[in-house]
C-alpha atoms as a PDB file:
ATOM      1  CA  MET A   1      -3.500 -28.717  -6.720  1.00  0.00           C
ATOM      2  CA  SER A   2      -4.800 -26.589  -3.899  1.00  0.00           C
ATOM      3  CA  ALA A   3      -4.465 -27.472  -0.191  1.00  0.00           C
ATOM      4  CA  ILE A   4      -7.584 -28.272   1.370  1.00  0.00           C
ATOM      5  CA  GLY A   5      -8.992 -25.815   4.698  1.00  0.00           C
ATOM      6  CA  ARG A   6     -10.425 -27.240   8.016  1.00  0.00           C
ATOM      7  CA  ILE A   7     -12.464 -24.309   8.553  1.00  0.00           C
ATOM      8  CA  HIS A   8     -14.952 -23.309  11.336  1.00  0.00           C
ATOM      9  CA  SER A   9     -16.732 -20.464   9.072  1.00  0.00           C
ATOM     10  CA  PHE A  10     -16.479 -17.481   7.413  1.00  0.00           C
ATOM     11  CA  GLU A  11     -18.231 -13.874   7.757  1.00  0.00           C
ATOM     12  CA  SER A  12     -18.829 -11.773   4.439  1.00  0.00           C
ATOM     13  CA  CYS A  13     -18.505  -8.194   6.014  1.00  0.00           C
ATOM     14  CA  GLY A  14     -16.339  -7.877   8.990  1.00  0.00           C
ATOM     15  CA  THR A  15     -15.504  -4.043   9.842  1.00  0.00           C
ATOM     16  CA  VAL A  16     -12.837  -5.320  12.598  1.00  0.00           C
ATOM     17  CA  ASP A  17     -10.570  -7.200  11.368  1.00  0.00           C
ATOM     18  CA  GLY A  18      -8.351  -5.368   8.958  1.00  0.00           C
ATOM     19  CA  PRO A  19      -8.230  -2.192   7.082  1.00  0.00           C
ATOM     20  CA  GLY A  20     -11.794  -1.810   5.359  1.00  0.00           C
ATOM     21  CA  ILE A  21     -14.652  -4.665   5.032  1.00  0.00           C
ATOM     22  CA  ARG A  22     -13.372  -7.639   5.261  1.00  0.00           C
ATOM     23  CA  PHE A  23     -14.221 -11.540   4.133  1.00  0.00           C
ATOM     24  CA  ILE A  24     -13.192 -13.181   7.274  1.00  0.00           C
ATOM     25  CA  VAL A  25     -12.452 -17.114   7.325  1.00  0.00           C
ATOM     26  CA  PHE A  26     -12.122 -18.069  10.339  1.00  0.00           C
ATOM     27  CA  LEU A  27     -10.233 -21.467  10.191  1.00  0.00           C
ATOM     28  CA  GLN A  28     -10.604 -24.685  13.126  1.00  0.00           C
ATOM     29  CA  GLY A  29      -8.614 -25.226  15.605  1.00  0.00           C
ATOM     30  CA  CYS A  30      -6.260 -23.683  18.370  1.00  0.00           C
ATOM     31  CA  LEU A  31      -3.577 -24.428  20.674  1.00  0.00           C
ATOM     32  CA  PHE A  32      -3.897 -21.136  22.937  1.00  0.00           C
ATOM     33  CA  ARG A  33      -6.259 -21.676  25.991  1.00  0.00           C
ATOM     34  CA  CYS A  34      -7.451 -17.996  26.551  1.00  0.00           C
ATOM     35  CA  LYS A  35      -9.248 -17.146  29.360  1.00  0.00           C
ATOM     36  CA  TYR A  36     -11.477 -15.185  27.690  1.00  0.00           C
ATOM     37  CA  CYS A  37     -11.867 -16.489  24.594  1.00  0.00           C
ATOM     38  CA  HIS A  38     -14.865 -15.578  22.808  1.00  0.00           C
ATOM     39  CA  ASN A  39     -14.625 -18.561  20.183  1.00  0.00           C
ATOM     40  CA  ARG A  40     -13.998 -21.482  22.060  1.00  0.00           C
ATOM     41  CA  ASP A  41     -15.512 -23.545  19.611  1.00  0.00           C
ATOM     42  CA  THR A  42     -12.973 -23.283  17.812  1.00  0.00           C
ATOM     43  CA  TRP A  43     -10.199 -25.093  19.520  1.00  0.00           C
ATOM     44  CA  ASP A  44     -11.281 -28.742  18.477  1.00  0.00           C
ATOM     45  CA  LEU A  45      -8.633 -29.600  15.755  1.00  0.00           C
ATOM     46  CA  HIS A  46     -11.167 -32.032  14.438  1.00  0.00           C
ATOM     47  CA  ASP A  47     -13.929 -30.197  14.120  1.00  0.00           C
ATOM     48  CA  GLY A  48     -15.261 -27.806  11.906  1.00  0.00           C
ATOM     49  CA  ARG A  49     -15.531 -28.522   7.646  1.00  0.00           C
ATOM     50  CA  ASP A  50     -13.713 -28.978   4.780  1.00  0.00           C
ATOM     51  CA  ALA A  51     -13.185 -25.995   2.458  1.00  0.00           C
ATOM     52  CA  THR A  52     -11.268 -25.776  -0.968  1.00  0.00           C
ATOM     53  CA  VAL A  53      -9.744 -22.453  -2.099  1.00  0.00           C
ATOM     54  CA  GLU A  54     -12.042 -22.542  -4.966  1.00  0.00           C
ATOM     55  CA  GLU A  55     -14.852 -22.338  -2.489  1.00  0.00           C
ATOM     56  CA  ILE A  56     -13.909 -19.536  -0.232  1.00  0.00           C
ATOM     57  CA  MET A  57     -12.914 -17.783  -3.497  1.00  0.00           C
ATOM     58  CA  LYS A  58     -16.300 -17.909  -5.078  1.00  0.00           C
ATOM     59  CA  GLU A  59     -17.614 -16.494  -1.732  1.00  0.00           C
ATOM     60  CA  LEU A  60     -15.345 -13.866  -1.747  1.00  0.00           C
ATOM     61  CA  ARG A  61     -15.963 -13.075  -5.406  1.00  0.00           C
ATOM     62  CA  SER A  62     -19.611 -12.290  -4.817  1.00  0.00           C
ATOM     63  CA  TYR A  63     -18.771  -9.456  -1.900  1.00  0.00           C
ATOM     64  CA  ARG A  64     -15.485  -8.039  -4.064  1.00  0.00           C
ATOM     65  CA  HIS A  65     -16.906  -5.032  -5.102  1.00  0.00           C
ATOM     66  CA  PHE A  66     -17.716  -3.987  -1.315  1.00  0.00           C
ATOM     67  CA  ILE A  67     -14.992  -4.886  -0.179  1.00  0.00           C
ATOM     68  CA  ASN A  68     -12.284  -3.345  -3.072  1.00  0.00           C
ATOM     69  CA  ALA A  69     -14.136  -0.213  -2.634  1.00  0.00           C
ATOM     70  CA  SER A  70     -13.610   0.009   1.084  1.00  0.00           C
ATOM     71  CA  GLY A  71     -10.046  -1.096   1.166  1.00  0.00           C
ATOM     72  CA  GLY A  72     -10.850  -4.293   2.462  1.00  0.00           C
ATOM     73  CA  GLY A  73     -10.031  -7.805   1.841  1.00  0.00           C
ATOM     74  CA  VAL A  74      -9.413 -11.088   3.220  1.00  0.00           C
ATOM     75  CA  THR A  75      -8.969 -12.216   6.663  1.00  0.00           C
ATOM     76  CA  ALA A  76      -7.323 -15.748   7.427  1.00  0.00           C
ATOM     77  CA  SER A  77      -8.123 -16.140  11.440  1.00  0.00           C
ATOM     78  CA  GLY A  78      -9.300 -18.431  13.590  1.00  0.00           C
ATOM     79  CA  GLY A  79      -9.147 -20.447  15.612  1.00  0.00           C
ATOM     80  CA  GLU A  80      -5.450 -20.098  14.910  1.00  0.00           C
ATOM     81  CA  ALA A  81      -5.216 -19.735  11.147  1.00  0.00           C
ATOM     82  CA  MET A  82      -1.353 -20.791  10.865  1.00  0.00           C
ATOM     83  CA  LEU A  83      -2.045 -24.155  12.069  1.00  0.00           C
ATOM     84  CA  GLN A  84      -3.118 -24.791   8.256  1.00  0.00           C
ATOM     85  CA  PRO A  85       0.090 -22.513   6.615  1.00  0.00           C
ATOM     86  CA  GLU A  86      -0.458 -24.223   3.413  1.00  0.00           C
ATOM     87  CA  PHE A  87      -4.176 -23.663   2.867  1.00  0.00           C
ATOM     88  CA  VAL A  88      -3.609 -19.712   3.931  1.00  0.00           C
ATOM     89  CA  ARG A  89      -0.639 -19.539   1.175  1.00  0.00           C
ATOM     90  CA  ASP A  90      -3.042 -21.236  -1.272  1.00  0.00           C
ATOM     91  CA  LEU A  91      -5.730 -19.045  -0.573  1.00  0.00           C
ATOM     92  CA  PHE A  92      -3.729 -15.503  -0.292  1.00  0.00           C
ATOM     93  CA  ARG A  93      -1.877 -16.514  -3.717  1.00  0.00           C
ATOM     94  CA  ALA A  94      -5.276 -16.779  -5.110  1.00  0.00           C
ATOM     95  CA  ALA A  95      -6.606 -13.702  -3.475  1.00  0.00           C
ATOM     96  CA  LYS A  96      -3.837 -11.458  -4.578  1.00  0.00           C
ATOM     97  CA  ALA A  97      -3.950 -12.905  -8.291  1.00  0.00           C
ATOM     98  CA  GLU A  98      -7.227 -11.445  -8.346  1.00  0.00           C
ATOM     99  CA  GLY A  99      -5.692  -8.133  -6.677  1.00  0.00           C
ATOM    100  CA  ILE A 100      -7.393  -8.690  -2.982  1.00  0.00           C
ATOM    101  CA  HIS A 101      -5.714  -7.432  -0.526  1.00  0.00           C
ATOM    102  CA  THR A 102      -4.399 -10.677   2.008  1.00  0.00           C
ATOM    103  CA  CYS A 103      -4.500  -9.996   5.856  1.00  0.00           C
ATOM    104  CA  LEU A 104      -3.505 -13.091   8.262  1.00  0.00           C
ATOM    105  CA  ASP A 105      -4.967 -12.814  12.208  1.00  0.00           C
ATOM    106  CA  THR A 106      -2.608 -15.101  14.304  1.00  0.00           C
ATOM    107  CA  ASN A 107      -1.105 -15.559  17.869  1.00  0.00           C
ATOM    108  CA  GLY A 108       2.324 -15.853  16.648  1.00  0.00           C
ATOM    109  CA  HIS A 109       2.860 -19.461  17.796  1.00  0.00           C
ATOM    110  CA  ILE A 110       4.715 -20.692  15.178  1.00  0.00           C
ATOM    111  CA  ARG A 111       6.080 -24.644  16.260  1.00  0.00           C
ATOM    112  CA  LYS A 112       8.752 -24.694  13.217  1.00  0.00           C
ATOM    113  CA  PHE A 113       9.673 -22.355  10.565  1.00  0.00           C
ATOM    114  CA  THR A 114       9.384 -23.666   7.114  1.00  0.00           C
ATOM    115  CA  ASP A 115       9.322 -22.971   3.890  1.00  0.00           C
ATOM    116  CA  VAL A 116       5.409 -22.503   3.920  1.00  0.00           C
ATOM    117  CA  ILE A 117       5.733 -20.226   6.869  1.00  0.00           C
ATOM    118  CA  ASP A 118       7.688 -17.772   4.376  1.00  0.00           C
ATOM    119  CA  GLU A 119       5.463 -19.076   1.027  1.00  0.00           C
ATOM    120  CA  ALA A 120       2.421 -17.753   2.771  1.00  0.00           C
ATOM    121  CA  LEU A 121       3.873 -14.595   4.957  1.00  0.00           C
ATOM    122  CA  GLU A 122       5.181 -13.812   1.042  1.00  0.00           C
ATOM    123  CA  VAL A 123       1.439 -13.652   0.182  1.00  0.00           C
ATOM    124  CA  THR A 124       0.382 -11.922   3.362  1.00  0.00           C
ATOM    125  CA  ASP A 125      -0.008  -7.925   2.870  1.00  0.00           C
ATOM    126  CA  LEU A 126      -0.984  -7.534   6.763  1.00  0.00           C
ATOM    127  CA  VAL A 127       0.008  -9.723   9.627  1.00  0.00           C
ATOM    128  CA  MET A 128      -2.196  -9.285  12.993  1.00  0.00           C
ATOM    129  CA  LEU A 129      -0.238 -10.355  15.432  1.00  0.00           C
ATOM    130  CA  ASP A 130      -2.110 -11.190  18.942  1.00  0.00           C
ATOM    131  CA  ILE A 131       0.439 -10.726  21.750  1.00  0.00           C
ATOM    132  CA  LYS A 132      -0.812 -11.723  24.799  1.00  0.00           C
ATOM    133  CA  GLN A 133       0.963 -10.538  27.528  1.00  0.00           C
ATOM    134  CA  MET A 134       5.160 -10.214  27.763  1.00  0.00           C
ATOM    135  CA  ASP A 135       5.499 -11.803  31.423  1.00  0.00           C
ATOM    136  CA  ASP A 136       5.854 -15.621  30.106  1.00  0.00           C
ATOM    137  CA  GLU A 137       5.149 -16.544  33.569  1.00  0.00           C
ATOM    138  CA  ILE A 138       1.197 -14.542  33.357  1.00  0.00           C
ATOM    139  CA  HIS A 139       1.202 -15.281  29.834  1.00  0.00           C
ATOM    140  CA  GLN A 140       1.107 -19.000  30.412  1.00  0.00           C
ATOM    141  CA  ASP A 141      -1.526 -18.529  33.609  1.00  0.00           C
ATOM    142  CA  LEU A 142      -3.687 -17.011  30.607  1.00  0.00           C
ATOM    143  CA  VAL A 143      -3.599 -18.801  27.938  1.00  0.00           C
ATOM    144  CA  GLY A 144      -1.723 -21.917  28.944  1.00  0.00           C
ATOM    145  CA  VAL A 145       1.063 -21.877  26.775  1.00  0.00           C
ATOM    146  CA  SER A 146       4.355 -20.081  26.532  1.00  0.00           C
ATOM    147  CA  ASN A 147       5.093 -16.711  25.091  1.00  0.00           C
ATOM    148  CA  LYS A 148       8.629 -17.108  23.674  1.00  0.00           C
ATOM    149  CA  ARG A 149       7.224 -18.292  20.025  1.00  0.00           C
ATOM    150  CA  THR A 150       5.094 -15.694  19.774  1.00  0.00           C
ATOM    151  CA  LEU A 151       7.648 -13.015  20.661  1.00  0.00           C
ATOM    152  CA  ASP A 152       9.989 -15.087  18.287  1.00  0.00           C
ATOM    153  CA  PHE A 153       7.884 -14.565  15.142  1.00  0.00           C
ATOM    154  CA  ALA A 154       7.388 -11.294  16.116  1.00  0.00           C
ATOM    155  CA  ARG A 155      10.956 -10.471  16.047  1.00  0.00           C
ATOM    156  CA  TYR A 156      11.202 -12.204  12.339  1.00  0.00           C
ATOM    157  CA  LEU A 157       8.364 -10.211  11.034  1.00  0.00           C
ATOM    158  CA  ASN A 158      10.223  -7.083  12.234  1.00  0.00           C
ATOM    159  CA  LYS A 159      13.507  -8.827  10.083  1.00  0.00           C
ATOM    160  CA  ILE A 160      11.656  -9.240   7.145  1.00  0.00           C
ATOM    161  CA  GLY A 161      10.110  -6.248   7.778  1.00  0.00           C
ATOM    162  CA  LYS A 162       6.476  -7.480   7.335  1.00  0.00           C
ATOM    163  CA  THR A 163       3.435  -4.514   7.765  1.00  0.00           C
ATOM    164  CA  THR A 164       2.711  -5.645  11.420  1.00  0.00           C
ATOM    165  CA  TRP A 165      -0.638  -4.629  13.597  1.00  0.00           C
ATOM    166  CA  ILE A 166       0.047  -5.598  17.153  1.00  0.00           C
ATOM    167  CA  ARG A 167      -3.392  -6.611  19.271  1.00  0.00           C
ATOM    168  CA  TYR A 168      -3.158  -6.288  22.991  1.00  0.00           C
ATOM    169  CA  VAL A 169      -6.292  -7.174  24.491  1.00  0.00           C
ATOM    170  CA  VAL A 170      -6.617  -5.478  27.716  1.00  0.00           C
ATOM    171  CA  VAL A 171      -8.208  -7.765  30.693  1.00  0.00           C
ATOM    172  CA  PRO A 172      -8.340  -6.801  34.475  1.00  0.00           C
ATOM    173  CA  GLY A 173      -6.437  -8.344  36.468  1.00  0.00           C
ATOM    174  CA  TYR A 174      -4.124 -10.200  33.807  1.00  0.00           C
ATOM    175  CA  THR A 175      -2.711  -7.505  31.134  1.00  0.00           C
ATOM    176  CA  ASP A 176      -4.217  -4.025  32.457  1.00  0.00           C
ATOM    177  CA  ASP A 177      -1.216  -2.903  34.776  1.00  0.00           C
ATOM    178  CA  ASP A 178       1.354  -0.580  34.257  1.00  0.00           C
ATOM    179  CA  ALA A 179       4.484  -3.023  34.165  1.00  0.00           C
ATOM    180  CA  SER A 180       2.669  -5.437  31.413  1.00  0.00           C
ATOM    181  CA  ALA A 181       2.058  -1.735  29.344  1.00  0.00           C
ATOM    182  CA  HIS A 182       5.736  -1.131  29.365  1.00  0.00           C
ATOM    183  CA  LYS A 183       6.816  -4.507  29.207  1.00  0.00           C
ATOM    184  CA  LEU A 184       5.727  -4.403  25.584  1.00  0.00           C
ATOM    185  CA  GLY A 185       6.172  -0.731  24.824  1.00  0.00           C
ATOM    186  CA  GLU A 186       9.747  -1.592  25.366  1.00  0.00           C
ATOM    187  CA  PHE A 187       9.323  -4.864  23.429  1.00  0.00           C
ATOM    188  CA  LEU A 188       8.138  -3.028  20.334  1.00  0.00           C
ATOM    189  CA  LYS A 189       9.859   0.183  20.146  1.00  0.00           C
ATOM    190  CA  ASP A 190      12.255  -0.481  17.790  1.00  0.00           C
ATOM    191  CA  MET A 191      10.045  -2.575  15.229  1.00  0.00           C
ATOM    192  CA  ASP A 192       9.598  -0.203  12.548  1.00  0.00           C
ATOM    193  CA  ASN A 193       6.995  -2.971  10.957  1.00  0.00           C
ATOM    194  CA  VAL A 194       4.799  -2.190  13.545  1.00  0.00           C
ATOM    195  CA  GLU A 195       2.210   0.227  11.937  1.00  0.00           C
ATOM    196  CA  LYS A 196       0.176   0.618  15.521  1.00  0.00           C
ATOM    197  CA  ILE A 197      -1.256  -1.381  18.421  1.00  0.00           C
ATOM    198  CA  GLU A 198      -4.829  -2.116  18.535  1.00  0.00           C
ATOM    199  CA  MET A 199      -6.481  -2.707  21.944  1.00  0.00           C
ATOM    200  CA  LEU A 200      -8.884  -4.323  22.553  1.00  0.00           C
ATOM    201  CA  PRO A 201     -11.011  -4.436  25.919  1.00  0.00           C
ATOM    202  CA  TYR A 202     -11.653  -7.505  27.291  1.00  0.00           C
ATOM    203  CA  HIS A 203     -15.598  -8.369  27.138  1.00  0.00           C
ATOM    204  CA  LYS A 204     -17.794 -11.528  28.008  1.00  0.00           C
ATOM    205  CA  LEU A 205     -19.247 -11.808  24.797  1.00  0.00           C
ATOM    206  CA  GLY A 206     -17.824 -15.306  24.589  1.00  0.00           C
ATOM    207  CA  GLU A 207     -19.287 -16.485  28.181  1.00  0.00           C
ATOM    208  CA  HIS A 208     -22.634 -17.653  26.622  1.00  0.00           C
ATOM    209  CA  LYS A 209     -20.354 -20.287  23.957  1.00  0.00           C
ATOM    210  CA  TRP A 210     -18.745 -21.899  27.867  1.00  0.00           C
ATOM    211  CA  GLU A 211     -21.292 -22.691  29.116  1.00  0.00           C
ATOM    212  CA  ALA A 212     -23.123 -23.554  26.004  1.00  0.00           C
ATOM    213  CA  MET A 213     -21.025 -26.054  25.752  1.00  0.00           C
ATOM    214  CA  GLY A 214     -20.749 -27.318  28.893  1.00  0.00           C
ATOM    215  CA  TYR A 215     -17.667 -25.585  30.518  1.00  0.00           C
ATOM    216  CA  ASP A 216     -17.506 -22.891  33.040  1.00  0.00           C
ATOM    217  CA  TYR A 217     -16.455 -19.949  31.988  1.00  0.00           C
ATOM    218  CA  PRO A 218     -12.653 -19.366  33.611  1.00  0.00           C
ATOM    219  CA  LEU A 219     -12.889 -15.670  34.121  1.00  0.00           C
ATOM    220  CA  PRO A 220     -16.542 -14.847  36.622  1.00  0.00           C
ATOM    221  CA  GLY A 221     -17.154 -11.670  37.540  1.00  0.00           C
ATOM    222  CA  VAL A 222     -14.523 -10.111  35.813  1.00  0.00           C
ATOM    223  CA  GLU A 223     -15.917  -6.492  33.910  1.00  0.00           C
ATOM    224  CA  PRO A 224     -14.590  -4.913  31.147  1.00  0.00           C
ATOM    225  CA  PRO A 225     -11.945  -2.264  31.615  1.00  0.00           C
ATOM    226  CA  SER A 226     -13.064   1.369  31.933  1.00  0.00           C
ATOM    227  CA  LYS A 227     -12.283   4.068  29.891  1.00  0.00           C
ATOM    228  CA  GLU A 228      -9.323   5.661  32.237  1.00  0.00           C
ATOM    229  CA  THR A 229      -8.361   2.508  32.137  1.00  0.00           C
ATOM    230  CA  MET A 230      -7.602   1.986  28.449  1.00  0.00           C
ATOM    231  CA  GLU A 231      -6.415   5.547  28.430  1.00  0.00           C
ATOM    232  CA  ARG A 232      -3.539   5.058  31.037  1.00  0.00           C
ATOM    233  CA  VAL A 233      -2.317   1.940  29.445  1.00  0.00           C
ATOM    234  CA  LYS A 234      -2.799   3.838  25.633  1.00  0.00           C
ATOM    235  CA  ASN A 235      -0.659   6.502  27.241  1.00  0.00           C
ATOM    236  CA  ILE A 236       1.845   4.458  28.574  1.00  0.00           C
ATOM    237  CA  LEU A 237       2.559   2.284  25.246  1.00  0.00           C
ATOM    238  CA  GLU A 238       2.197   6.158  23.304  1.00  0.00           C
ATOM    239  CA  GLY A 239       5.663   7.008  25.637  1.00  0.00           C
ATOM    240  CA  TYR A 240       7.842   4.727  23.783  1.00  0.00           C
ATOM    241  CA  GLY A 241       6.600   6.298  20.424  1.00  0.00           C
ATOM    242  CA  LEU A 242       4.045   3.677  19.520  1.00  0.00           C
ATOM    243  CA  LYS A 243       0.918   4.385  18.057  1.00  0.00           C
ATOM    244  CA  ALA A 244      -2.220   3.262  19.980  1.00  0.00           C
ATOM    245  CA  ALA A 245      -5.986   2.926  19.479  1.00  0.00           C
ATOM    246  CA  TYR A 246      -8.936   1.366  20.880  1.00  0.00           C
END
């Protein structure tokens, strides 16, 4: 019997969470507390609703023509998808059995490497790994936990040769400085499995969710980075032989 997932929602025709048109499953629950999180309502491990793999696959099949024609597939996101690795494994197995591309969007905070982690990765075509910040002290200030597990996961993906895109959110005052970009470039430069770095400019689209839930938004007054800032960070990363785009 397939695992039951705790999901927040799904999006039928996403275009920014992997190649092509994606069917995105947002799993409920996250251990990170990103100050800029635009899915604040996904943190609570007990919210959301239960869903079966077959329920998700039934929805996915109805969009399969558009997805396959675009070179797309299904993406497991969150929240944090790898808090529910059994469900990700079973969902991706079902998708792969029908020739559908699979993508895992994760912060890489793997608390324990178990067989089920490897089983989920075996049926994952692409990992999109969020590296928030290379400096652990800044990382803890920005997201509330250490980056050690994320960086260990990045090294593991390289070890097993898993195709990976790195996601790097450029947040003014936290990740937009030269030193942070150089540290990221130095860390990734010899990882042959990393196809590219997706630079994501910080935005305030989630601010209203924080306020609607009765919380103060942690980054009041912080504005999105300028094009000049994005170009500067991009040039630093490309100086390490990496492909970077925003």
